[in-house]
Amino acid sequence: MLMPTSVNLPETPEQLAALVERIQAGEELVLTKAGIAIARLVPTQPRIPSQDKGKVIIADGFNAPLPDEILNDFLNPA
């Protein structure tokens, strides 16, 4: 695995566009400002429909109303 390349925060839209092209090409970048890392930009993995099918289970009572004591905590936080 390659180490990410550090680059200064882009100041113009053209600089940002060039960075996006590098990311789309598979490069991982770390944005820095005054020498301090502020963000890591990585290419995304393509989403494959149904790739997680069967891995997520929704409980039967998921949409049931919350009990009053829990609901009150949301509506009237201390």
C-alpha atoms as a PDB file:
ATOM      1  CA  MET A   1       0.000   0.000   0.000  1.00  0.00           C
ATOM      2  CA  LEU A   2       1.391   3.380  -0.994  1.00  0.00           C
ATOM      3  CA  MET A   3       1.669   6.187   1.505  1.00  0.00           C
ATOM      4  CA  PRO A   4      -0.659   9.111   0.779  1.00  0.00           C
ATOM      5  CA  THR A   5       0.816  12.224  -0.788  1.00  0.00           C
ATOM      6  CA  SER A   6       0.591  15.433   1.248  1.00  0.00           C
ATOM      7  CA  VAL A   7      -0.574  18.519  -0.624  1.00  0.00           C
ATOM      8  CA  ASN A   8      -1.321  22.055   0.518  1.00  0.00           C
ATOM      9  CA  LEU A   9      -4.953  23.090   0.648  1.00  0.00           C
ATOM     10  CA  PRO A  10      -5.920  24.219  -2.861  1.00  0.00           C
ATOM     11  CA  GLU A  11      -6.552  27.926  -3.254  1.00  0.00           C
ATOM     12  CA  THR A  12      -8.310  27.890  -6.626  1.00  0.00           C
ATOM     13  CA  PRO A  13     -10.980  25.779  -8.323  1.00  0.00           C
ATOM     14  CA  GLU A  14      -8.415  24.742 -10.929  1.00  0.00           C
ATOM     15  CA  GLN A  15      -6.109  23.332  -8.252  1.00  0.00           C
ATOM     16  CA  LEU A  16      -9.011  21.425  -6.706  1.00  0.00           C
ATOM     17  CA  ALA A  17     -10.000  20.001 -10.093  1.00  0.00           C
ATOM     18  CA  ALA A  18      -6.449  18.738 -10.610  1.00  0.00           C
ATOM     19  CA  LEU A  19      -6.499  17.041  -7.189  1.00  0.00           C
ATOM     20  CA  VAL A  20      -9.847  15.399  -7.964  1.00  0.00           C
ATOM     21  CA  GLU A  21      -8.363  13.970 -11.154  1.00  0.00           C
ATOM     22  CA  ARG A  22      -5.475  12.482  -9.176  1.00  0.00           C
ATOM     23  CA  ILE A  23      -7.920  10.920  -6.699  1.00  0.00           C
ATOM     24  CA  GLN A  24     -10.036   9.506  -9.526  1.00  0.00           C
ATOM     25  CA  ALA A  25      -6.851   7.926 -10.872  1.00  0.00           C
ATOM     26  CA  GLY A  26      -6.530   6.053  -7.566  1.00  0.00           C
ATOM     27  CA  GLU A  27      -4.176   8.293  -5.602  1.00  0.00           C
ATOM     28  CA  GLU A  28      -4.734   8.974  -1.901  1.00  0.00           C
ATOM     29  CA  LEU A  29      -4.037  12.556  -0.814  1.00  0.00           C
ATOM     30  CA  VAL A  30      -3.700  14.285   2.547  1.00  0.00           C
ATOM     31  CA  LEU A  31      -4.662  17.963   2.490  1.00  0.00           C
ATOM     32  CA  THR A  32      -2.547  20.162   4.715  1.00  0.00           C
ATOM     33  CA  LYS A  33      -2.866  23.737   5.914  1.00  0.00           C
ATOM     34  CA  ALA A  34       0.181  25.408   7.445  1.00  0.00           C
ATOM     35  CA  GLY A  35       1.833  21.985   7.519  1.00  0.00           C
ATOM     36  CA  ILE A  36      -0.977  20.356   9.533  1.00  0.00           C
ATOM     37  CA  ALA A  37      -3.032  17.530   8.038  1.00  0.00           C
ATOM     38  CA  ILE A  38      -6.712  18.511   7.875  1.00  0.00           C
ATOM     39  CA  ALA A  39      -8.280  15.921   5.556  1.00  0.00           C
ATOM     40  CA  ARG A  40      -7.574  12.659   3.788  1.00  0.00           C
ATOM     41  CA  LEU A  41      -9.050  12.233   0.322  1.00  0.00           C
ATOM     42  CA  VAL A  42      -9.365   8.722  -1.062  1.00  0.00           C
ATOM     43  CA  PRO A  43     -11.077   7.281  -4.108  1.00  0.00           C
ATOM     44  CA  THR A  44     -14.400   5.647  -3.332  1.00  0.00           C
ATOM     45  CA  GLN A  45     -15.210   2.041  -3.992  1.00  0.00           C
ATOM     46  CA  PRO A  46     -17.963   1.592  -6.555  1.00  0.00           C
ATOM     47  CA  ARG A  47     -21.268   0.618  -4.996  1.00  0.00           C
ATOM     48  CA  ILE A  48     -22.505  -2.713  -6.207  1.00  0.00           C
ATOM     49  CA  PRO A  49     -26.282  -3.120  -5.875  1.00  0.00           C
ATOM     50  CA  SER A  50     -27.225  -5.871  -3.411  1.00  0.00           C
ATOM     51  CA  GLN A  51     -23.614  -6.394  -2.292  1.00  0.00           C
ATOM     52  CA  ASP A  52     -24.746  -6.426   1.350  1.00  0.00           C
ATOM     53  CA  LYS A  53     -27.956  -8.361   0.825  1.00  0.00           C
ATOM     54  CA  GLY A  54     -28.629 -10.643   3.769  1.00  0.00           C
ATOM     55  CA  LYS A  55     -26.046  -8.915   6.003  1.00  0.00           C
ATOM     56  CA  VAL A  56     -28.419  -6.413   7.602  1.00  0.00           C
ATOM     57  CA  ILE A  57     -31.315  -7.476   9.779  1.00  0.00           C
ATOM     58  CA  ILE A  58     -34.015  -5.012  10.848  1.00  0.00           C
ATOM     59  CA  ALA A  59     -35.704  -5.964  14.123  1.00  0.00           C
ATOM     60  CA  ASP A  60     -39.446  -6.554  13.981  1.00  0.00           C
ATOM     61  CA  GLY A  61     -40.157  -3.673  16.377  1.00  0.00           C
ATOM     62  CA  PHE A  62     -37.853  -1.190  14.646  1.00  0.00           C
ATOM     63  CA  ASN A  63     -40.649   1.209  13.729  1.00  0.00           C
ATOM     64  CA  ALA A  64     -42.586   0.748  16.976  1.00  0.00           C
ATOM     65  CA  PRO A  65     -43.154   3.901  19.037  1.00  0.00           C
ATOM     66  CA  LEU A  66     -40.534   4.586  21.700  1.00  0.00           C
ATOM     67  CA  PRO A  67     -41.482   4.070  25.337  1.00  0.00           C
ATOM     68  CA  ASP A  68     -42.585   7.350  26.967  1.00  0.00           C
ATOM     69  CA  GLU A  69     -39.538   7.562  29.268  1.00  0.00           C
ATOM     70  CA  ILE A  70     -37.157   7.382  26.304  1.00  0.00           C
ATOM     71  CA  LEU A  71     -39.259   9.646  24.108  1.00  0.00           C
ATOM     72  CA  ASN A  72     -39.382  12.266  26.883  1.00  0.00           C
ATOM     73  CA  ASP A  73     -35.570  12.269  27.064  1.00  0.00           C
ATOM     74  CA  PHE A  74     -35.470  13.224  23.379  1.00  0.00           C
ATOM     75  CA  LEU A  75     -38.198  15.834  23.650  1.00  0.00           C
ATOM     76  CA  ASN A  76     -37.032  17.343  26.959  1.00  0.00           C
ATOM     77  CA  PRO A  77     -33.273  16.877  27.306  1.00  0.00           C
ATOM     78  CA  ALA A  78     -31.876  17.791  30.724  1.00  0.00           C
END
